[in-house]
Amino acid sequence: MVVVTSAYESDQAGAKKLFAQAYNRISERLTRLVCIWVDAGYQGEGFMKWVMDTYHWILEVVRRPTDTKGFVLLPRRWVVERSFGWFNWCRRLSKDYEILPQTHETFVQVAMIRLILRRLA
């Protein structure tokens, strides 16, 4: 799913576009989705209430502990970072070679299929 947003848009504005596209395209596959982990850019009572009222999803902000310095492994955040690291093993995803966002999206899907098949084998 490709959502094109401007660099001047806030994270919340981009998330609204992404949620709307996802819900319109694959709402039948999102029936089990309950909680979405987000970073601090998505916090705010108004935005969280809008997501809950519109899509019935719960946004859970994963915050960095305030009393720590340096690198801290954040709960659930490492799953996304690990996945991005796996993409770097794929030559076409190691750099941004693609012109169309749809092509990049397809190669991300192929990379994830490859990873899943390797785990099943």
PDB file of N, CA and C in Angstrom:
ATOM      1  N   MET A   1       0.840  -1.162   0.000  1.00  0.00           N
ATOM      2  CA  MET A   1       0.000   0.000   0.000  1.00  0.00           C
ATOM      3  C   MET A   1       0.889   1.229   0.000  1.00  0.00           C
ATOM      4  N   VAL A   2       0.702   2.084  -0.951  1.00  0.00           N
ATOM      5  CA  VAL A   2       1.531   3.261  -1.119  1.00  0.00           C
ATOM      6  C   VAL A   2       0.727   4.489  -0.754  1.00  0.00           C
ATOM      7  N   VAL A   3       1.241   5.246   0.190  1.00  0.00           N
ATOM      8  CA  VAL A   3       0.629   6.509   0.573  1.00  0.00           C
ATOM      9  C   VAL A   3       1.669   7.589   0.338  1.00  0.00           C
ATOM     10  N   VAL A   4       1.360   8.530  -0.513  1.00  0.00           N
ATOM     11  CA  VAL A   4       2.288   9.602  -0.823  1.00  0.00           C
ATOM     12  C   VAL A   4       1.880  10.821  -0.014  1.00  0.00           C
ATOM     13  N   THR A   5       2.812  11.282   0.810  1.00  0.00           N
ATOM     14  CA  THR A   5       2.550  12.475   1.608  1.00  0.00           C
ATOM     15  C   THR A   5       3.712  13.441   1.439  1.00  0.00           C
ATOM     16  N   SER A   6       3.464  14.660   1.763  1.00  0.00           N
ATOM     17  CA  SER A   6       4.486  15.692   1.693  1.00  0.00           C
ATOM     18  C   SER A   6       5.326  15.669   2.956  1.00  0.00           C
ATOM     19  N   ALA A   7       6.555  16.132   2.849  1.00  0.00           N
ATOM     20  CA  ALA A   7       7.412  16.222   4.020  1.00  0.00           C
ATOM     21  C   ALA A   7       6.903  17.274   4.998  1.00  0.00           C
ATOM     22  N   TYR A   8       6.049  18.152   4.532  1.00  0.00           N
ATOM     23  CA  TYR A   8       5.503  19.193   5.387  1.00  0.00           C
ATOM     24  C   TYR A   8       4.304  18.718   6.195  1.00  0.00           C
ATOM     25  N   GLU A   9       3.793  17.538   5.886  1.00  0.00           N
ATOM     26  CA  GLU A   9       2.645  17.008   6.619  1.00  0.00           C
ATOM     27  C   GLU A   9       3.104  16.378   7.930  1.00  0.00           C
ATOM     28  N   SER A  10       2.248  16.428   8.909  1.00  0.00           N
ATOM     29  CA  SER A  10       2.562  15.807  10.190  1.00  0.00           C
ATOM     30  C   SER A  10       2.399  14.293  10.096  1.00  0.00           C
ATOM     31  N   ASP A  11       2.949  13.603  11.070  1.00  0.00           N
ATOM     32  CA  ASP A  11       2.800  12.150  11.128  1.00  0.00           C
ATOM     33  C   ASP A  11       1.330  11.766  11.214  1.00  0.00           C
ATOM     34  N   GLN A  12       0.572  12.532  11.971  1.00  0.00           N
ATOM     35  CA  GLN A  12      -0.838  12.221  12.151  1.00  0.00           C
ATOM     36  C   GLN A  12      -1.621  12.384  10.848  1.00  0.00           C
ATOM     37  N   ALA A  13      -1.295  13.402  10.054  1.00  0.00           N
ATOM     38  CA  ALA A  13      -1.976  13.591   8.768  1.00  0.00           C
ATOM     39  C   ALA A  13      -1.658  12.440   7.821  1.00  0.00           C
ATOM     40  N   GLY A  14      -0.408  12.008   7.814  1.00  0.00           N
ATOM     41  CA  GLY A  14      -0.034  10.868   6.989  1.00  0.00           C
ATOM     42  C   GLY A  14      -0.695   9.584   7.452  1.00  0.00           C
ATOM     43  N   ALA A  15      -0.806   9.423   8.768  1.00  0.00           N
ATOM     44  CA  ALA A  15      -1.459   8.227   9.315  1.00  0.00           C
ATOM     45  C   ALA A  15      -2.934   8.197   8.941  1.00  0.00           C
ATOM     46  N   LYS A  16      -3.582   9.352   8.932  1.00  0.00           N
ATOM     47  CA  LYS A  16      -5.000   9.394   8.540  1.00  0.00           C
ATOM     48  C   LYS A  16      -5.178   8.910   7.107  1.00  0.00           C
ATOM     49  N   LYS A  17      -4.280   9.336   6.218  1.00  0.00           N
ATOM     50  CA  LYS A  17      -4.353   8.875   4.828  1.00  0.00           C
ATOM     51  C   LYS A  17      -4.099   7.372   4.737  1.00  0.00           C
ATOM     52  N   LEU A  18      -3.080   6.899   5.457  1.00  0.00           N
ATOM     53  CA  LEU A  18      -2.746   5.475   5.425  1.00  0.00           C
ATOM     54  C   LEU A  18      -3.879   4.628   5.975  1.00  0.00           C
ATOM     55  N   PHE A  19      -4.456   5.026   7.103  1.00  0.00           N
ATOM     56  CA  PHE A  19      -5.554   4.267   7.702  1.00  0.00           C
ATOM     57  C   PHE A  19      -6.755   4.215   6.759  1.00  0.00           C
ATOM     58  N   ALA A  20      -7.059   5.348   6.114  1.00  0.00           N
ATOM     59  CA  ALA A  20      -8.201   5.389   5.197  1.00  0.00           C
ATOM     60  C   ALA A  20      -7.974   4.464   4.008  1.00  0.00           C
ATOM     61  N   GLN A  21      -6.776   4.492   3.423  1.00  0.00           N
ATOM     62  CA  GLN A  21      -6.483   3.611   2.287  1.00  0.00           C
ATOM     63  C   GLN A  21      -6.520   2.151   2.704  1.00  0.00           C
ATOM     64  N   ALA A  22      -5.916   1.846   3.847  1.00  0.00           N
ATOM     65  CA  ALA A  22      -5.900   0.453   4.305  1.00  0.00           C
ATOM     66  C   ALA A  22      -7.309  -0.036   4.576  1.00  0.00           C
ATOM     67  N   TYR A  23      -8.093   0.774   5.208  1.00  0.00           N
ATOM     68  CA  TYR A  23      -9.457   0.365   5.554  1.00  0.00           C
ATOM     69  C   TYR A  23     -10.314   0.195   4.298  1.00  0.00           C
ATOM     70  N   ASN A  24     -10.130   1.070   3.318  1.00  0.00           N
ATOM     71  CA  ASN A  24     -10.917   0.968   2.089  1.00  0.00           C
ATOM     72  C   ASN A  24     -10.483  -0.202   1.220  1.00  0.00           C
ATOM     73  N   ARG A  25      -9.198  -0.518   1.205  1.00  0.00           N
ATOM     74  CA  ARG A  25      -8.695  -1.579   0.333  1.00  0.00           C
ATOM     75  C   ARG A  25      -8.825  -2.968   0.935  1.00  0.00           C
ATOM     76  N   ILE A  26      -8.508  -3.103   2.225  1.00  0.00           N
ATOM     77  CA  ILE A  26      -8.433  -4.451   2.801  1.00  0.00           C
ATOM     78  C   ILE A  26      -9.158  -4.537   4.138  1.00  0.00           C
ATOM     79  N   SER A  27     -10.287  -3.886   4.273  1.00  0.00           N
ATOM     80  CA  SER A  27     -10.997  -3.870   5.552  1.00  0.00           C
ATOM     81  C   SER A  27     -11.408  -5.268   5.997  1.00  0.00           C
ATOM     82  N   GLU A  28     -11.701  -6.168   5.054  1.00  0.00           N
ATOM     83  CA  GLU A  28     -12.108  -7.523   5.441  1.00  0.00           C
ATOM     84  C   GLU A  28     -10.952  -8.294   6.075  1.00  0.00           C
ATOM     85  N   ARG A  29      -9.705  -7.917   5.761  1.00  0.00           N
ATOM     86  CA  ARG A  29      -8.552  -8.590   6.364  1.00  0.00           C
ATOM     87  C   ARG A  29      -8.095  -7.909   7.645  1.00  0.00           C
ATOM     88  N   LEU A  30      -8.667  -6.776   7.982  1.00  0.00           N
ATOM     89  CA  LEU A  30      -8.269  -6.045   9.186  1.00  0.00           C
ATOM     90  C   LEU A  30      -9.217  -6.281  10.351  1.00  0.00           C
ATOM     91  N   THR A  31     -10.049  -7.303  10.272  1.00  0.00           N
ATOM     92  CA  THR A  31     -11.049  -7.512  11.320  1.00  0.00           C
ATOM     93  C   THR A  31     -10.408  -7.882  12.651  1.00  0.00           C
ATOM     94  N   ARG A  32      -9.228  -8.492  12.634  1.00  0.00           N
ATOM     95  CA  ARG A  32      -8.573  -8.883  13.885  1.00  0.00           C
ATOM     96  C   ARG A  32      -7.649  -7.806  14.433  1.00  0.00           C
ATOM     97  N   LEU A  33      -7.450  -6.729  13.702  1.00  0.00           N
ATOM     98  CA  LEU A  33      -6.565  -5.659  14.144  1.00  0.00           C
ATOM     99  C   LEU A  33      -7.207  -4.904  15.300  1.00  0.00           C
ATOM    100  N   VAL A  34      -6.505  -4.846  16.418  1.00  0.00           N
ATOM    101  CA  VAL A  34      -7.036  -4.163  17.594  1.00  0.00           C
ATOM    102  C   VAL A  34      -6.101  -3.054  18.044  1.00  0.00           C
ATOM    103  N   CYS A  35      -4.801  -3.352  18.112  1.00  0.00           N
ATOM    104  CA  CYS A  35      -3.833  -2.413  18.684  1.00  0.00           C
ATOM    105  C   CYS A  35      -2.734  -2.119  17.669  1.00  0.00           C
ATOM    106  N   ILE A  36      -2.341  -0.854  17.576  1.00  0.00           N
ATOM    107  CA  ILE A  36      -1.247  -0.428  16.710  1.00  0.00           C
ATOM    108  C   ILE A  36      -0.233   0.296  17.583  1.00  0.00           C
ATOM    109  N   TRP A  37       1.011  -0.164  17.552  1.00  0.00           N
ATOM    110  CA  TRP A  37       2.075   0.492  18.298  1.00  0.00           C
ATOM    111  C   TRP A  37       2.646   1.626  17.474  1.00  0.00           C
ATOM    112  N   VAL A  38       2.742   2.799  18.056  1.00  0.00           N
ATOM    113  CA  VAL A  38       3.219   3.984  17.348  1.00  0.00           C
ATOM    114  C   VAL A  38       4.273   4.676  18.202  1.00  0.00           C
ATOM    115  N   ASP A  39       5.020   5.603  17.569  1.00  0.00           N
ATOM    116  CA  ASP A  39       5.982   6.377  18.336  1.00  0.00           C
ATOM    117  C   ASP A  39       5.331   7.678  18.811  1.00  0.00           C
ATOM    118  N   ALA A  40       6.121   8.526  19.432  1.00  0.00           N
ATOM    119  CA  ALA A  40       5.575   9.713  20.076  1.00  0.00           C
ATOM    120  C   ALA A  40       4.992  10.728  19.094  1.00  0.00           C
ATOM    121  N   GLY A  41       5.309  10.622  17.805  1.00  0.00           N
ATOM    122  CA  GLY A  41       4.762  11.547  16.817  1.00  0.00           C
ATOM    123  C   GLY A  41       3.260  11.402  16.627  1.00  0.00           C
ATOM    124  N   TYR A  42       2.705  10.301  17.103  1.00  0.00           N
ATOM    125  CA  TYR A  42       1.278  10.040  16.927  1.00  0.00           C
ATOM    126  C   TYR A  42       0.478  10.236  18.207  1.00  0.00           C
ATOM    127  N   GLN A  43       1.122  10.721  19.252  1.00  0.00           N
ATOM    128  CA  GLN A  43       0.396  10.889  20.510  1.00  0.00           C
ATOM    129  C   GLN A  43      -0.489  12.122  20.444  1.00  0.00           C
ATOM    130  N   GLY A  44      -1.445  12.142  21.284  1.00  0.00           N
ATOM    131  CA  GLY A  44      -2.410  13.233  21.326  1.00  0.00           C
ATOM    132  C   GLY A  44      -3.795  12.648  21.497  1.00  0.00           C
ATOM    133  N   GLU A  45      -4.495  13.145  22.475  1.00  0.00           N
ATOM    134  CA  GLU A  45      -5.803  12.590  22.802  1.00  0.00           C
ATOM    135  C   GLU A  45      -6.799  12.712  21.651  1.00  0.00           C
ATOM    136  N   GLY A  46      -6.751  13.824  20.939  1.00  0.00           N
ATOM    137  CA  GLY A  46      -7.687  14.023  19.832  1.00  0.00           C
ATOM    138  C   GLY A  46      -7.482  13.026  18.712  1.00  0.00           C
ATOM    139  N   PHE A  47      -6.214  12.806  18.329  1.00  0.00           N
ATOM    140  CA  PHE A  47      -5.922  11.865  17.249  1.00  0.00           C
ATOM    141  C   PHE A  47      -6.266  10.438  17.667  1.00  0.00           C
ATOM    142  N   MET A  48      -5.909  10.068  18.883  1.00  0.00           N
ATOM    143  CA  MET A  48      -6.205   8.708  19.350  1.00  0.00           C
ATOM    144  C   MET A  48      -7.710   8.474  19.427  1.00  0.00           C
ATOM    145  N   LYS A  49      -8.450   9.491  19.845  1.00  0.00           N
ATOM    146  CA  LYS A  49      -9.905   9.363  19.911  1.00  0.00           C
ATOM    147  C   LYS A  49     -10.492   9.243  18.505  1.00  0.00           C
ATOM    148  N   TRP A  50      -9.945   9.994  17.551  1.00  0.00           N
ATOM    149  CA  TRP A  50     -10.414   9.906  16.170  1.00  0.00           C
ATOM    150  C   TRP A  50     -10.209   8.502  15.610  1.00  0.00           C
ATOM    151  N   VAL A  51      -9.032   7.910  15.857  1.00  0.00           N
ATOM    152  CA  VAL A  51      -8.752   6.550  15.364  1.00  0.00           C
ATOM    153  C   VAL A  51      -9.703   5.555  16.015  1.00  0.00           C
ATOM    154  N   MET A  52      -9.931   5.703  17.311  1.00  0.00           N
ATOM    155  CA  MET A  52     -10.825   4.783  18.030  1.00  0.00           C
ATOM    156  C   MET A  52     -12.264   4.912  17.521  1.00  0.00           C
ATOM    157  N   ASP A  53     -12.722   6.134  17.328  1.00  0.00           N
ATOM    158  CA  ASP A  53     -14.104   6.341  16.868  1.00  0.00           C
ATOM    159  C   ASP A  53     -14.305   5.920  15.418  1.00  0.00           C
ATOM    160  N   THR A  54     -13.308   6.159  14.573  1.00  0.00           N
ATOM    161  CA  THR A  54     -13.450   5.887  13.147  1.00  0.00           C
ATOM    162  C   THR A  54     -13.227   4.422  12.806  1.00  0.00           C
ATOM    163  N   TYR A  55     -12.146   3.828  13.344  1.00  0.00           N
ATOM    164  CA  TYR A  55     -11.759   2.481  12.928  1.00  0.00           C
ATOM    165  C   TYR A  55     -11.829   1.445  14.052  1.00  0.00           C
ATOM    166  N   HIS A  56     -12.058   1.882  15.271  1.00  0.00           N
ATOM    167  CA  HIS A  56     -12.120   0.996  16.442  1.00  0.00           C
ATOM    168  C   HIS A  56     -10.782   0.314  16.700  1.00  0.00           C
ATOM    169  N   TRP A  57      -9.689   1.045  16.459  1.00  0.00           N
ATOM    170  CA  TRP A  57      -8.343   0.560  16.743  1.00  0.00           C
ATOM    171  C   TRP A  57      -7.788   1.349  17.918  1.00  0.00           C
ATOM    172  N   ILE A  58      -6.920   0.718  18.674  1.00  0.00           N
ATOM    173  CA  ILE A  58      -6.275   1.359  19.818  1.00  0.00           C
ATOM    174  C   ILE A  58      -4.842   1.684  19.432  1.00  0.00           C
ATOM    175  N   LEU A  59      -4.440   2.938  19.604  1.00  0.00           N
ATOM    176  CA  LEU A  59      -3.054   3.329  19.375  1.00  0.00           C
ATOM    177  C   LEU A  59      -2.327   3.292  20.710  1.00  0.00           C
ATOM    178  N   GLU A  60      -1.225   2.553  20.750  1.00  0.00           N
ATOM    179  CA  GLU A  60      -0.419   2.479  21.961  1.00  0.00           C
ATOM    180  C   GLU A  60       0.935   3.106  21.667  1.00  0.00           C
ATOM    181  N   VAL A  61       1.241   4.217  22.331  1.00  0.00           N
ATOM    182  CA  VAL A  61       2.490   4.934  22.106  1.00  0.00           C
ATOM    183  C   VAL A  61       3.602   4.233  22.869  1.00  0.00           C
ATOM    184  N   VAL A  62       4.665   3.844  22.146  1.00  0.00           N
ATOM    185  CA  VAL A  62       5.839   3.225  22.767  1.00  0.00           C
ATOM    186  C   VAL A  62       6.834   4.343  23.035  1.00  0.00           C
ATOM    187  N   ARG A  63       7.029   4.660  24.306  1.00  0.00           N
ATOM    188  CA  ARG A  63       7.887   5.782  24.692  1.00  0.00           C
ATOM    189  C   ARG A  63       9.238   5.293  25.191  1.00  0.00           C
ATOM    190  N   ARG A  64      10.220   6.110  24.991  1.00  0.00           N
ATOM    191  CA  ARG A  64      11.554   5.856  25.526  1.00  0.00           C
ATOM    192  C   ARG A  64      11.550   6.258  26.998  1.00  0.00           C
ATOM    193  N   PRO A  65      12.145   5.436  27.872  1.00  0.00           N
ATOM    194  CA  PRO A  65      12.213   5.810  29.288  1.00  0.00           C
ATOM    195  C   PRO A  65      12.957   7.136  29.459  1.00  0.00           C
ATOM    196  N   THR A  66      12.431   8.014  30.294  1.00  0.00           N
ATOM    197  CA  THR A  66      12.995   9.356  30.442  1.00  0.00           C
ATOM    198  C   THR A  66      14.307   9.375  31.222  1.00  0.00           C
ATOM    199  N   ASP A  67      14.550   8.385  32.052  1.00  0.00           N
ATOM    200  CA  ASP A  67      15.727   8.412  32.912  1.00  0.00           C
ATOM    201  C   ASP A  67      16.926   7.661  32.329  1.00  0.00           C
ATOM    202  N   THR A  68      16.916   7.325  31.054  1.00  0.00           N
ATOM    203  CA  THR A  68      18.009   6.571  30.445  1.00  0.00           C
ATOM    204  C   THR A  68      18.764   7.419  29.438  1.00  0.00           C
ATOM    205  N   LYS A  69      20.039   7.049  29.224  1.00  0.00           N
ATOM    206  CA  LYS A  69      20.874   7.722  28.231  1.00  0.00           C
ATOM    207  C   LYS A  69      21.406   6.675  27.265  1.00  0.00           C
ATOM    208  N   GLY A  70      21.684   7.106  26.047  1.00  0.00           N
ATOM    209  CA  GLY A  70      22.232   6.191  25.056  1.00  0.00           C
ATOM    210  C   GLY A  70      21.158   5.309  24.441  1.00  0.00           C
ATOM    211  N   PHE A  71      21.601   4.172  23.885  1.00  0.00           N
ATOM    212  CA  PHE A  71      20.695   3.260  23.213  1.00  0.00           C
ATOM    213  C   PHE A  71      19.844   2.502  24.210  1.00  0.00           C
ATOM    214  N   VAL A  72      18.556   2.445  23.948  1.00  0.00           N
ATOM    215  CA  VAL A  72      17.627   1.692  24.781  1.00  0.00           C
ATOM    216  C   VAL A  72      16.759   0.860  23.855  1.00  0.00           C
ATOM    217  N   LEU A  73      16.659  -0.428  24.123  1.00  0.00           N
ATOM    218  CA  LEU A  73      15.795  -1.300  23.344  1.00  0.00           C
ATOM    219  C   LEU A  73      14.359  -1.065  23.787  1.00  0.00           C
ATOM    220  N   LEU A  74      13.556  -0.512  22.887  1.00  0.00           N
ATOM    221  CA  LEU A  74      12.176  -0.204  23.215  1.00  0.00           C
ATOM    222  C   LEU A  74      11.298  -1.417  22.968  1.00  0.00           C
ATOM    223  N   PRO A  75      10.327  -1.655  23.839  1.00  0.00           N
ATOM    224  CA  PRO A  75       9.455  -2.810  23.642  1.00  0.00           C
ATOM    225  C   PRO A  75       8.663  -2.684  22.344  1.00  0.00           C
ATOM    226  N   ARG A  76       8.577  -3.762  21.599  1.00  0.00           N
ATOM    227  CA  ARG A  76       7.853  -3.902  20.330  1.00  0.00           C
ATOM    228  C   ARG A  76       8.446  -3.079  19.191  1.00  0.00           C
ATOM    229  N   ARG A  77       9.215  -2.056  19.475  1.00  0.00           N
ATOM    230  CA  ARG A  77       9.799  -1.228  18.426  1.00  0.00           C
ATOM    231  C   ARG A  77      10.860  -1.997  17.657  1.00  0.00           C
ATOM    232  N   TRP A  78      11.550  -2.914  18.330  1.00  0.00           N
ATOM    233  CA  TRP A  78      12.624  -3.671  17.698  1.00  0.00           C
ATOM    234  C   TRP A  78      12.109  -4.553  16.575  1.00  0.00           C
ATOM    235  N   VAL A  79      10.838  -4.932  16.603  1.00  0.00           N
ATOM    236  CA  VAL A  79      10.275  -5.785  15.559  1.00  0.00           C
ATOM    237  C   VAL A  79      10.335  -5.061  14.212  1.00  0.00           C
ATOM    238  N   VAL A  80       9.979  -3.796  14.190  1.00  0.00           N
ATOM    239  CA  VAL A  80       9.997  -3.007  12.962  1.00  0.00           C
ATOM    240  C   VAL A  80      11.436  -2.778  12.512  1.00  0.00           C
ATOM    241  N   GLU A  81      12.306  -2.397  13.457  1.00  0.00           N
ATOM    242  CA  GLU A  81      13.698  -2.134  13.110  1.00  0.00           C
ATOM    243  C   GLU A  81      14.376  -3.399  12.586  1.00  0.00           C
ATOM    244  N   ARG A  82      14.074  -4.537  13.161  1.00  0.00           N
ATOM    245  CA  ARG A  82      14.627  -5.808  12.704  1.00  0.00           C
ATOM    246  C   ARG A  82      14.172  -6.103  11.278  1.00  0.00           C
ATOM    247  N   SER A  83      12.905  -5.845  10.985  1.00  0.00           N
ATOM    248  CA  SER A  83      12.386  -6.080   9.639  1.00  0.00           C
ATOM    249  C   SER A  83      13.083  -5.183   8.617  1.00  0.00           C
ATOM    250  N   PHE A  84      13.300  -3.912   8.964  1.00  0.00           N
ATOM    251  CA  PHE A  84      14.025  -3.023   8.065  1.00  0.00           C
ATOM    252  C   PHE A  84      15.446  -3.523   7.837  1.00  0.00           C
ATOM    253  N   GLY A  85      16.064  -4.070   8.868  1.00  0.00           N
ATOM    254  CA  GLY A  85      17.403  -4.644   8.726  1.00  0.00           C
ATOM    255  C   GLY A  85      17.406  -5.826   7.778  1.00  0.00           C
ATOM    256  N   TRP A  86      16.386  -6.656   7.838  1.00  0.00           N
ATOM    257  CA  TRP A  86      16.281  -7.793   6.915  1.00  0.00           C
ATOM    258  C   TRP A  86      16.159  -7.321   5.478  1.00  0.00           C
ATOM    259  N   PHE A  87      15.470  -6.211   5.249  1.00  0.00           N
ATOM    260  CA  PHE A  87      15.320  -5.701   3.890  1.00  0.00           C
ATOM    261  C   PHE A  87      16.675  -5.329   3.284  1.00  0.00           C
ATOM    262  N   ASN A  88      17.629  -4.928   4.096  1.00  0.00           N
ATOM    263  CA  ASN A  88      18.940  -4.549   3.579  1.00  0.00           C
ATOM    264  C   ASN A  88      19.693  -5.730   2.991  1.00  0.00           C
ATOM    265  N   TRP A  89      19.295  -6.945   3.325  1.00  0.00           N
ATOM    266  CA  TRP A  89      19.920  -8.128   2.737  1.00  0.00           C
ATOM    267  C   TRP A  89      19.457  -8.344   1.296  1.00  0.00           C
ATOM    268  N   CYS A  90      18.386  -7.705   0.895  1.00  0.00           N
ATOM    269  CA  CYS A  90      17.882  -7.812  -0.472  1.00  0.00           C
ATOM    270  C   CYS A  90      18.506  -6.684  -1.300  1.00  0.00           C
ATOM    271  N   ARG A  91      19.152  -7.053  -2.379  1.00  0.00           N
ATOM    272  CA  ARG A  91      19.896  -6.078  -3.177  1.00  0.00           C
ATOM    273  C   ARG A  91      19.011  -4.937  -3.662  1.00  0.00           C
ATOM    274  N   ARG A  92      17.817  -5.241  -4.144  1.00  0.00           N
ATOM    275  CA  ARG A  92      16.943  -4.204  -4.688  1.00  0.00           C
ATOM    276  C   ARG A  92      16.400  -3.283  -3.599  1.00  0.00           C
ATOM    277  N   LEU A  93      16.425  -3.722  -2.343  1.00  0.00           N
ATOM    278  CA  LEU A  93      15.895  -2.892  -1.260  1.00  0.00           C
ATOM    279  C   LEU A  93      16.993  -2.217  -0.448  1.00  0.00           C
ATOM    280  N   SER A  94      18.260  -2.554  -0.727  1.00  0.00           N
ATOM    281  CA  SER A  94      19.350  -1.963   0.052  1.00  0.00           C
ATOM    282  C   SER A  94      19.511  -0.473  -0.248  1.00  0.00           C
ATOM    283  N   LYS A  95      19.177  -0.084  -1.465  1.00  0.00           N
ATOM    284  CA  LYS A  95      19.172   1.326  -1.861  1.00  0.00           C
ATOM    285  C   LYS A  95      17.842   1.609  -2.537  1.00  0.00           C
ATOM    286  N   ASP A  96      17.537   2.860  -2.734  1.00  0.00           N
ATOM    287  CA  ASP A  96      16.271   3.228  -3.364  1.00  0.00           C
ATOM    288  C   ASP A  96      16.458   3.292  -4.872  1.00  0.00           C
ATOM    289  N   TYR A  97      16.428   2.116  -5.521  1.00  0.00           N
ATOM    290  CA  TYR A  97      16.624   2.041  -6.965  1.00  0.00           C
ATOM    291  C   TYR A  97      15.337   2.296  -7.750  1.00  0.00           C
ATOM    292  N   GLU A  98      14.217   2.067  -7.147  1.00  0.00           N
ATOM    293  CA  GLU A  98      12.952   2.072  -7.873  1.00  0.00           C
ATOM    294  C   GLU A  98      12.455   3.491  -8.128  1.00  0.00           C
ATOM    295  N   ILE A  99      11.784   3.656  -9.255  1.00  0.00           N
ATOM    296  CA  ILE A  99      11.212   4.950  -9.606  1.00  0.00           C
ATOM    297  C   ILE A  99       9.785   5.048  -9.068  1.00  0.00           C
ATOM    298  N   LEU A 100       9.005   3.997  -9.268  1.00  0.00           N
ATOM    299  CA  LEU A 100       7.620   4.000  -8.830  1.00  0.00           C
ATOM    300  C   LEU A 100       7.483   3.432  -7.413  1.00  0.00           C
ATOM    301  N   PRO A 101       6.687   4.049  -6.576  1.00  0.00           N
ATOM    302  CA  PRO A 101       6.472   3.502  -5.228  1.00  0.00           C
ATOM    303  C   PRO A 101       5.833   2.116  -5.258  1.00  0.00           C
ATOM    304  N   GLN A 102       5.015   1.846  -6.277  1.00  0.00           N
ATOM    305  CA  GLN A 102       4.366   0.543  -6.374  1.00  0.00           C
ATOM    306  C   GLN A 102       5.399  -0.560  -6.615  1.00  0.00           C
ATOM    307  N   THR A 103       6.453  -0.258  -7.354  1.00  0.00           N
ATOM    308  CA  THR A 103       7.510  -1.241  -7.590  1.00  0.00           C
ATOM    309  C   THR A 103       8.240  -1.548  -6.289  1.00  0.00           C
ATOM    310  N   HIS A 104       8.536  -0.517  -5.524  1.00  0.00           N
ATOM    311  CA  HIS A 104       9.200  -0.719  -4.239  1.00  0.00           C
ATOM    312  C   HIS A 104       8.316  -1.553  -3.306  1.00  0.00           C
ATOM    313  N   GLU A 105       7.035  -1.246  -3.287  1.00  0.00           N
ATOM    314  CA  GLU A 105       6.101  -2.000  -2.449  1.00  0.00           C
ATOM    315  C   GLU A 105       6.095  -3.477  -2.850  1.00  0.00           C
ATOM    316  N   THR A 106       6.130  -3.748  -4.135  1.00  0.00           N
ATOM    317  CA  THR A 106       6.136  -5.132  -4.621  1.00  0.00           C
ATOM    318  C   THR A 106       7.392  -5.852  -4.164  1.00  0.00           C
ATOM    319  N   PHE A 107       8.548  -5.193  -4.227  1.00  0.00           N
ATOM    320  CA  PHE A 107       9.786  -5.843  -3.800  1.00  0.00           C
ATOM    321  C   PHE A 107       9.820  -6.057  -2.287  1.00  0.00           C
ATOM    322  N   VAL A 108       9.185  -5.190  -1.526  1.00  0.00           N
ATOM    323  CA  VAL A 108       9.071  -5.426  -0.084  1.00  0.00           C
ATOM    324  C   VAL A 108       8.220  -6.668   0.171  1.00  0.00           C
ATOM    325  N   GLN A 109       7.133  -6.802  -0.568  1.00  0.00           N
ATOM    326  CA  GLN A 109       6.285  -7.992  -0.415  1.00  0.00           C
ATOM    327  C   GLN A 109       7.038  -9.257  -0.820  1.00  0.00           C
ATOM    328  N   VAL A 110       7.801  -9.207  -1.899  1.00  0.00           N
ATOM    329  CA  VAL A 110       8.592 -10.366  -2.325  1.00  0.00           C
ATOM    330  C   VAL A 110       9.631 -10.721  -1.264  1.00  0.00           C
ATOM    331  N   ALA A 111      10.268  -9.714  -0.681  1.00  0.00           N
ATOM    332  CA  ALA A 111      11.261  -9.966   0.359  1.00  0.00           C
ATOM    333  C   ALA A 111      10.627 -10.628   1.584  1.00  0.00           C
ATOM    334  N   MET A 112       9.446 -10.170   1.968  1.00  0.00           N
ATOM    335  CA  MET A 112       8.781 -10.772   3.127  1.00  0.00           C
ATOM    336  C   MET A 112       8.324 -12.197   2.819  1.00  0.00           C
ATOM    337  N   ILE A 113       7.859 -12.443   1.592  1.00  0.00           N
ATOM    338  CA  ILE A 113       7.486 -13.810   1.201  1.00  0.00           C
ATOM    339  C   ILE A 113       8.702 -14.713   1.288  1.00  0.00           C
ATOM    340  N   ARG A 114       9.838 -14.227   0.798  1.00  0.00           N
ATOM    341  CA  ARG A 114      11.079 -15.005   0.871  1.00  0.00           C
ATOM    342  C   ARG A 114      11.457 -15.333   2.311  1.00  0.00           C
ATOM    343  N   LEU A 115      11.350 -14.342   3.189  1.00  0.00           N
ATOM    344  CA  LEU A 115      11.675 -14.572   4.600  1.00  0.00           C
ATOM    345  C   LEU A 115      10.730 -15.601   5.236  1.00  0.00           C
ATOM    346  N   ILE A 116       9.466 -15.490   4.945  1.00  0.00           N
ATOM    347  CA  ILE A 116       8.487 -16.425   5.524  1.00  0.00           C
ATOM    348  C   ILE A 116       8.723 -17.832   5.004  1.00  0.00           C
ATOM    349  N   LEU A 117       9.006 -17.959   3.705  1.00  0.00           N
ATOM    350  CA  LEU A 117       9.245 -19.290   3.142  1.00  0.00           C
ATOM    351  C   LEU A 117      10.503 -19.924   3.727  1.00  0.00           C
ATOM    352  N   ARG A 118      11.511 -19.129   3.984  1.00  0.00           N
ATOM    353  CA  ARG A 118      12.726 -19.664   4.604  1.00  0.00           C
ATOM    354  C   ARG A 118      12.460 -20.157   6.024  1.00  0.00           C
ATOM    355  N   ARG A 119      11.570 -19.481   6.721  1.00  0.00           N
ATOM    356  CA  ARG A 119      11.241 -19.903   8.083  1.00  0.00           C
ATOM    357  C   ARG A 119      10.390 -21.174   8.076  1.00  0.00           C
ATOM    358  N   LEU A 120       9.548 -21.324   7.051  1.00  0.00           N
ATOM    359  CA  LEU A 120       8.709 -22.509   6.959  1.00  0.00           C
ATOM    360  C   LEU A 120       9.470 -23.745   6.503  1.00  0.00           C
ATOM    361  N   ALA A 121      10.558 -23.535   5.776  1.00  0.00           N
ATOM    362  CA  ALA A 121      11.324 -24.672   5.225  1.00  0.00           C
ATOM    363  C   ALA A 121      12.086 -25.429   6.306  1.00  0.00           C
TER     364      ALA A 121
END
